[in-house]
Amino acid sequence: MISLGQAKIGTKIIWRQEPHEIIEANHHKMGRGGAKLVTKLRNLISQAVIDYTFQGDEKLEEAEVGYRNSQYLYSEQTTHFFMTNDDFTQFSLVLPKDRVKFLKEGENVDLMIWNNQVIDVKLPKKVELRVTYTEPGFKGDTASAGSKPATVETGAGIQVPLFIQIGDTIRINTDTGAYDSRV
């Protein structure tokens, strides 16, 4: 059990008999009243995001989540297939398309395991993908640094600077979905 003061972003807890990750945490201390923790929780099974306020005397149960290094194999609609790197066991996982839109086949990821069940995938912080389509950018189009839409090899669309061309390899931050740099 952990206290509300120990809860921070990234902490995984059991709430309503399911594992959740704290993605936002704001501690509030009122004059004579008790403290409270205003959070935004992401359900690790359904991926739903919930706002919830914990009162000062509540205790949180920490979720025992493990990770297994694996390789992303392929997708069929919303079902995604992975294979562990140590014993070559294959797992299928139903995830929304936006959770794996920056993963290409053969990419290494960590599978999140809770109660001997694969529940989620932990994406790498940054991935390198090739630009398959973007409009040409012309110098002088904008008054300041501009951006334009681009499509990468996984089919995801992002905003990139004007100097990026088709065939360039770029680095993308998977947390924000934003362009990071050209490789």
C-alpha atoms as a PDB file:
ATOM      1  CA  MET A   1       0.000   0.000   0.000  1.00  0.00           C
ATOM      2  CA  ILE A   2       1.216   3.476  -0.822  1.00  0.00           C
ATOM      3  CA  SER A   3       0.017   6.798   0.541  1.00  0.00           C
ATOM      4  CA  LEU A   4      -1.309   9.609  -1.633  1.00  0.00           C
ATOM      5  CA  GLY A   5       1.897  11.569  -1.038  1.00  0.00           C
ATOM      6  CA  GLN A   6       3.911   8.796  -2.720  1.00  0.00           C
ATOM      7  CA  ALA A   7       1.681   8.649  -5.800  1.00  0.00           C
ATOM      8  CA  LYS A   8       3.178  10.276  -8.877  1.00  0.00           C
ATOM      9  CA  ILE A   9       2.922  10.167 -12.663  1.00  0.00           C
ATOM     10  CA  GLY A  10       3.710   6.684 -13.962  1.00  0.00           C
ATOM     11  CA  THR A  11       2.709   4.874 -10.752  1.00  0.00           C
ATOM     12  CA  LYS A  12       0.632   1.770 -11.464  1.00  0.00           C
ATOM     13  CA  ILE A  13      -2.169   1.093  -8.991  1.00  0.00           C
ATOM     14  CA  ILE A  14      -5.103  -1.265  -8.526  1.00  0.00           C
ATOM     15  CA  TRP A  15      -8.331   0.724  -8.600  1.00  0.00           C
ATOM     16  CA  ARG A  16     -11.733  -0.961  -8.802  1.00  0.00           C
ATOM     17  CA  GLN A  17     -10.037  -4.372  -9.198  1.00  0.00           C
ATOM     18  CA  GLU A  18      -8.194  -3.354 -12.384  1.00  0.00           C
ATOM     19  CA  PRO A  19      -4.688  -1.994 -12.995  1.00  0.00           C
ATOM     20  CA  HIS A  20      -4.451   1.719 -13.773  1.00  0.00           C
ATOM     21  CA  GLU A  21      -1.549   4.046 -14.500  1.00  0.00           C
ATOM     22  CA  ILE A  22      -1.501   7.578 -13.090  1.00  0.00           C
ATOM     23  CA  ILE A  23      -0.962   9.900 -16.061  1.00  0.00           C
ATOM     24  CA  GLU A  24      -1.674  13.154 -14.182  1.00  0.00           C
ATOM     25  CA  ALA A  25      -1.409  13.819 -10.455  1.00  0.00           C
ATOM     26  CA  ASN A  26      -2.073  17.086  -8.613  1.00  0.00           C
ATOM     27  CA  HIS A  27      -1.778  17.222  -4.838  1.00  0.00           C
ATOM     28  CA  HIS A  28      -4.101  19.752  -3.143  1.00  0.00           C
ATOM     29  CA  LYS A  29      -3.756  20.768   0.510  1.00  0.00           C
ATOM     30  CA  MET A  30      -6.548  22.856   1.927  1.00  0.00           C
ATOM     31  CA  GLY A  31      -6.284  24.997   5.056  1.00  0.00           C
ATOM     32  CA  ARG A  32      -8.059  23.003   7.734  1.00  0.00           C
ATOM     33  CA  GLY A  33      -9.376  20.296   5.469  1.00  0.00           C
ATOM     34  CA  GLY A  34      -7.540  17.199   4.455  1.00  0.00           C
ATOM     35  CA  ALA A  35      -5.358  16.855   1.430  1.00  0.00           C
ATOM     36  CA  LYS A  36      -6.592  15.296  -1.748  1.00  0.00           C
ATOM     37  CA  LEU A  37      -5.056  13.936  -4.914  1.00  0.00           C
ATOM     38  CA  VAL A  38      -6.697  14.870  -8.217  1.00  0.00           C
ATOM     39  CA  THR A  39      -5.665  12.304 -10.835  1.00  0.00           C
ATOM     40  CA  LYS A  40      -6.182  11.215 -14.387  1.00  0.00           C
ATOM     41  CA  LEU A  41      -5.982   7.415 -14.570  1.00  0.00           C
ATOM     42  CA  ARG A  42      -5.520   5.224 -17.659  1.00  0.00           C
ATOM     43  CA  ASN A  43      -6.989   1.753 -17.387  1.00  0.00           C
ATOM     44  CA  LEU A  44      -4.250  -0.618 -18.559  1.00  0.00           C
ATOM     45  CA  ILE A  45      -6.751  -3.180 -19.851  1.00  0.00           C
ATOM     46  CA  SER A  46      -9.371  -1.076 -21.645  1.00  0.00           C
ATOM     47  CA  GLN A  47      -7.153   2.027 -22.227  1.00  0.00           C
ATOM     48  CA  ALA A  48      -9.992   4.247 -20.931  1.00  0.00           C
ATOM     49  CA  VAL A  49      -8.931   7.501 -19.248  1.00  0.00           C
ATOM     50  CA  ILE A  50     -10.772   8.466 -16.060  1.00  0.00           C
ATOM     51  CA  ASP A  51     -10.626  11.548 -13.805  1.00  0.00           C
ATOM     52  CA  TYR A  52     -10.786  10.668 -10.114  1.00  0.00           C
ATOM     53  CA  THR A  53     -10.107  12.495  -6.848  1.00  0.00           C
ATOM     54  CA  PHE A  54      -8.680  10.532  -3.901  1.00  0.00           C
ATOM     55  CA  GLN A  55      -9.260  11.863  -0.386  1.00  0.00           C
ATOM     56  CA  GLY A  56      -6.338  12.379   2.027  1.00  0.00           C
ATOM     57  CA  ASP A  57      -6.815   9.264   4.163  1.00  0.00           C
ATOM     58  CA  GLU A  58      -7.083   6.758   1.289  1.00  0.00           C
ATOM     59  CA  LYS A  59      -4.343   4.225   0.606  1.00  0.00           C
ATOM     60  CA  LEU A  60      -3.526   2.992  -2.877  1.00  0.00           C
ATOM     61  CA  GLU A  61      -2.662  -0.589  -3.730  1.00  0.00           C
ATOM     62  CA  GLU A  62       0.316  -0.774  -6.045  1.00  0.00           C
ATOM     63  CA  ALA A  63      -0.172  -2.989  -9.101  1.00  0.00           C
ATOM     64  CA  GLU A  64       2.491  -5.630  -9.584  1.00  0.00           C
ATOM     65  CA  VAL A  65       3.157  -5.259 -13.277  1.00  0.00           C
ATOM     66  CA  GLY A  66       5.946  -7.127 -15.051  1.00  0.00           C
ATOM     67  CA  TYR A  67       7.504  -6.668 -18.467  1.00  0.00           C
ATOM     68  CA  ARG A  68       8.741  -9.118 -21.110  1.00  0.00           C
ATOM     69  CA  ASN A  69      10.933  -8.094 -23.997  1.00  0.00           C
ATOM     70  CA  SER A  70       9.252  -9.027 -27.267  1.00  0.00           C
ATOM     71  CA  GLN A  71       9.033  -8.277 -30.956  1.00  0.00           C
ATOM     72  CA  TYR A  72       6.069  -6.774 -32.805  1.00  0.00           C
ATOM     73  CA  LEU A  73       5.091  -9.206 -35.587  1.00  0.00           C
ATOM     74  CA  TYR A  74       1.998  -7.936 -37.429  1.00  0.00           C
ATOM     75  CA  SER A  75      -1.609  -6.728 -37.102  1.00  0.00           C
ATOM     76  CA  GLU A  76      -5.024  -7.865 -38.261  1.00  0.00           C
ATOM     77  CA  GLN A  77      -7.463  -4.985 -37.742  1.00  0.00           C
ATOM     78  CA  THR A  78      -7.333  -4.303 -33.970  1.00  0.00           C
ATOM     79  CA  THR A  79      -5.539  -7.542 -33.006  1.00  0.00           C
ATOM     80  CA  HIS A  80      -1.761  -7.186 -32.770  1.00  0.00           C
ATOM     81  CA  PHE A  81       0.665 -10.100 -32.554  1.00  0.00           C
ATOM     82  CA  PHE A  82       3.891 -10.203 -30.548  1.00  0.00           C
ATOM     83  CA  MET A  83       6.595 -12.811 -29.897  1.00  0.00           C
ATOM     84  CA  THR A  84       8.807 -12.919 -26.808  1.00  0.00           C
ATOM     85  CA  ASN A  85      12.536 -12.787 -27.503  1.00  0.00           C
ATOM     86  CA  ASP A  86      13.559 -15.344 -24.870  1.00  0.00           C
ATOM     87  CA  ASP A  87      11.275 -18.357 -25.482  1.00  0.00           C
ATOM     88  CA  PHE A  88       9.502 -17.344 -28.747  1.00  0.00           C
ATOM     89  CA  THR A  89       6.011 -17.521 -27.215  1.00  0.00           C
ATOM     90  CA  GLN A  90       3.445 -15.637 -29.300  1.00  0.00           C
ATOM     91  CA  PHE A  91       0.772 -13.365 -27.821  1.00  0.00           C
ATOM     92  CA  SER A  92      -2.137 -11.568 -29.408  1.00  0.00           C
ATOM     93  CA  LEU A  93      -3.425  -8.335 -27.934  1.00  0.00           C
ATOM     94  CA  VAL A  94      -6.403  -6.185 -28.877  1.00  0.00           C
ATOM     95  CA  LEU A  95      -5.345  -2.542 -28.820  1.00  0.00           C
ATOM     96  CA  PRO A  96      -6.717   0.631 -30.395  1.00  0.00           C
ATOM     97  CA  LYS A  97      -4.934   1.640 -33.600  1.00  0.00           C
ATOM     98  CA  ASP A  98      -3.434   4.778 -32.037  1.00  0.00           C
ATOM     99  CA  ARG A  99      -1.520   2.697 -29.438  1.00  0.00           C
ATOM    100  CA  VAL A 100       0.615   1.025 -32.134  1.00  0.00           C
ATOM    101  CA  LYS A 101       0.519   3.530 -34.990  1.00  0.00           C
ATOM    102  CA  PHE A 102       4.287   4.154 -34.761  1.00  0.00           C
ATOM    103  CA  LEU A 103       5.324   0.469 -34.576  1.00  0.00           C
ATOM    104  CA  LYS A 104       6.666  -1.295 -37.634  1.00  0.00           C
ATOM    105  CA  GLU A 105       7.049  -5.035 -38.011  1.00  0.00           C
ATOM    106  CA  GLY A 106      10.136  -6.397 -36.272  1.00  0.00           C
ATOM    107  CA  GLU A 107      10.332  -3.545 -33.725  1.00  0.00           C
ATOM    108  CA  ASN A 108      11.303  -4.497 -30.143  1.00  0.00           C
ATOM    109  CA  VAL A 109       8.815  -3.557 -27.415  1.00  0.00           C
ATOM    110  CA  ASP A 110       8.060  -4.536 -23.828  1.00  0.00           C
ATOM    111  CA  LEU A 111       4.815  -6.406 -23.104  1.00  0.00           C
ATOM    112  CA  MET A 112       3.139  -5.424 -19.833  1.00  0.00           C
ATOM    113  CA  ILE A 113       1.976  -8.436 -17.802  1.00  0.00           C
ATOM    114  CA  TRP A 114      -0.451  -8.397 -14.860  1.00  0.00           C
ATOM    115  CA  ASN A 115      -1.832 -11.581 -13.210  1.00  0.00           C
ATOM    116  CA  ASN A 116      -0.037 -13.736 -15.838  1.00  0.00           C
ATOM    117  CA  GLN A 117      -1.973 -11.973 -18.590  1.00  0.00           C
ATOM    118  CA  VAL A 118      -0.593  -9.628 -21.268  1.00  0.00           C
ATOM    119  CA  ILE A 119      -2.534  -6.383 -20.891  1.00  0.00           C
ATOM    120  CA  ASP A 120      -0.616  -3.672 -22.746  1.00  0.00           C
ATOM    121  CA  VAL A 121       2.494  -2.810 -24.704  1.00  0.00           C
ATOM    122  CA  LYS A 122       5.140  -0.334 -23.568  1.00  0.00           C
ATOM    123  CA  LEU A 123       6.290   1.577 -26.632  1.00  0.00           C
ATOM    124  CA  PRO A 124       9.857   2.831 -27.042  1.00  0.00           C
ATOM    125  CA  LYS A 125      10.194   6.566 -26.260  1.00  0.00           C
ATOM    126  CA  LYS A 126      11.317   7.373 -29.800  1.00  0.00           C
ATOM    127  CA  VAL A 127      11.090   5.509 -33.095  1.00  0.00           C
ATOM    128  CA  GLU A 128      12.728   6.089 -36.473  1.00  0.00           C
ATOM    129  CA  LEU A 129      10.401   5.902 -39.482  1.00  0.00           C
ATOM    130  CA  ARG A 130      10.702   6.739 -43.174  1.00  0.00           C
ATOM    131  CA  VAL A 131       8.450   9.425 -44.691  1.00  0.00           C
ATOM    132  CA  THR A 132       6.349   7.898 -47.483  1.00  0.00           C
ATOM    133  CA  TYR A 133       4.359  10.992 -48.479  1.00  0.00           C
ATOM    134  CA  THR A 134       4.490  14.729 -47.910  1.00  0.00           C
ATOM    135  CA  GLU A 135       3.834  17.808 -50.000  1.00  0.00           C
ATOM    136  CA  PRO A 136       6.895  19.779 -51.105  1.00  0.00           C
ATOM    137  CA  GLY A 137       7.683  22.738 -48.857  1.00  0.00           C
ATOM    138  CA  PHE A 138       8.749  25.980 -50.492  1.00  0.00           C
ATOM    139  CA  LYS A 139      11.056  28.512 -48.871  1.00  0.00           C
ATOM    140  CA  GLY A 140       9.197  31.689 -48.048  1.00  0.00           C
ATOM    141  CA  ASP A 141       5.792  30.010 -47.573  1.00  0.00           C
ATOM    142  CA  THR A 142       5.550  31.166 -43.962  1.00  0.00           C
ATOM    143  CA  ALA A 143       6.624  34.082 -41.819  1.00  0.00           C
ATOM    144  CA  SER A 144       8.031  31.746 -39.153  1.00  0.00           C
ATOM    145  CA  ALA A 145       9.114  28.116 -38.955  1.00  0.00           C
ATOM    146  CA  GLY A 146       6.275  26.230 -40.607  1.00  0.00           C
ATOM    147  CA  SER A 147       5.105  22.652 -40.696  1.00  0.00           C
ATOM    148  CA  LYS A 148       3.270  20.413 -43.106  1.00  0.00           C
ATOM    149  CA  PRO A 149       1.486  17.050 -42.864  1.00  0.00           C
ATOM    150  CA  ALA A 150       3.412  13.879 -43.633  1.00  0.00           C
ATOM    151  CA  THR A 151       2.666  10.149 -43.705  1.00  0.00           C
ATOM    152  CA  VAL A 152       5.239   7.669 -42.377  1.00  0.00           C
ATOM    153  CA  GLU A 153       5.770   4.017 -43.368  1.00  0.00           C
ATOM    154  CA  THR A 154       3.330   2.709 -40.718  1.00  0.00           C
ATOM    155  CA  GLY A 155       0.522   4.864 -42.141  1.00  0.00           C
ATOM    156  CA  ALA A 156       0.483   7.365 -39.272  1.00  0.00           C
ATOM    157  CA  GLY A 157       0.158  11.043 -40.079  1.00  0.00           C
ATOM    158  CA  ILE A 158       2.211  13.703 -38.266  1.00  0.00           C
ATOM    159  CA  GLN A 159       3.296  17.328 -38.684  1.00  0.00           C
ATOM    160  CA  VAL A 160       6.895  17.823 -39.884  1.00  0.00           C
ATOM    161  CA  PRO A 161       9.047  20.873 -40.731  1.00  0.00           C
ATOM    162  CA  LEU A 162       9.010  22.183 -44.297  1.00  0.00           C
ATOM    163  CA  PHE A 163      12.485  20.805 -45.163  1.00  0.00           C
ATOM    164  CA  ILE A 164      11.431  17.133 -44.742  1.00  0.00           C
ATOM    165  CA  GLN A 165      11.091  15.284 -48.064  1.00  0.00           C
ATOM    166  CA  ILE A 166       9.741  11.889 -49.176  1.00  0.00           C
ATOM    167  CA  GLY A 167      12.278   9.184 -48.313  1.00  0.00           C
ATOM    168  CA  ASP A 168      13.771  11.017 -45.298  1.00  0.00           C
ATOM    169  CA  THR A 169      14.019   9.047 -42.052  1.00  0.00           C
ATOM    170  CA  ILE A 170      12.723  10.941 -39.037  1.00  0.00           C
ATOM    171  CA  ARG A 171      12.650  10.340 -35.274  1.00  0.00           C
ATOM    172  CA  ILE A 172       9.202  10.561 -33.620  1.00  0.00           C
ATOM    173  CA  ASN A 173       8.351  10.877 -29.922  1.00  0.00           C
ATOM    174  CA  THR A 174       5.767   8.122 -29.272  1.00  0.00           C
ATOM    175  CA  ASP A 175       4.346   9.805 -26.144  1.00  0.00           C
ATOM    176  CA  THR A 176       3.305  12.990 -27.961  1.00  0.00           C
ATOM    177  CA  GLY A 177       3.249  11.783 -31.576  1.00  0.00           C
ATOM    178  CA  ALA A 178       5.394  14.750 -32.539  1.00  0.00           C
ATOM    179  CA  TYR A 179       8.368  15.081 -34.878  1.00  0.00           C
ATOM    180  CA  ASP A 180      11.665  15.047 -32.947  1.00  0.00           C
ATOM    181  CA  SER A 181      14.504  15.186 -35.489  1.00  0.00           C
ATOM    182  CA  ARG A 182      15.749  14.026 -38.875  1.00  0.00           C
ATOM    183  CA  VAL A 183      18.056  11.005 -38.846  1.00  0.00           C
END
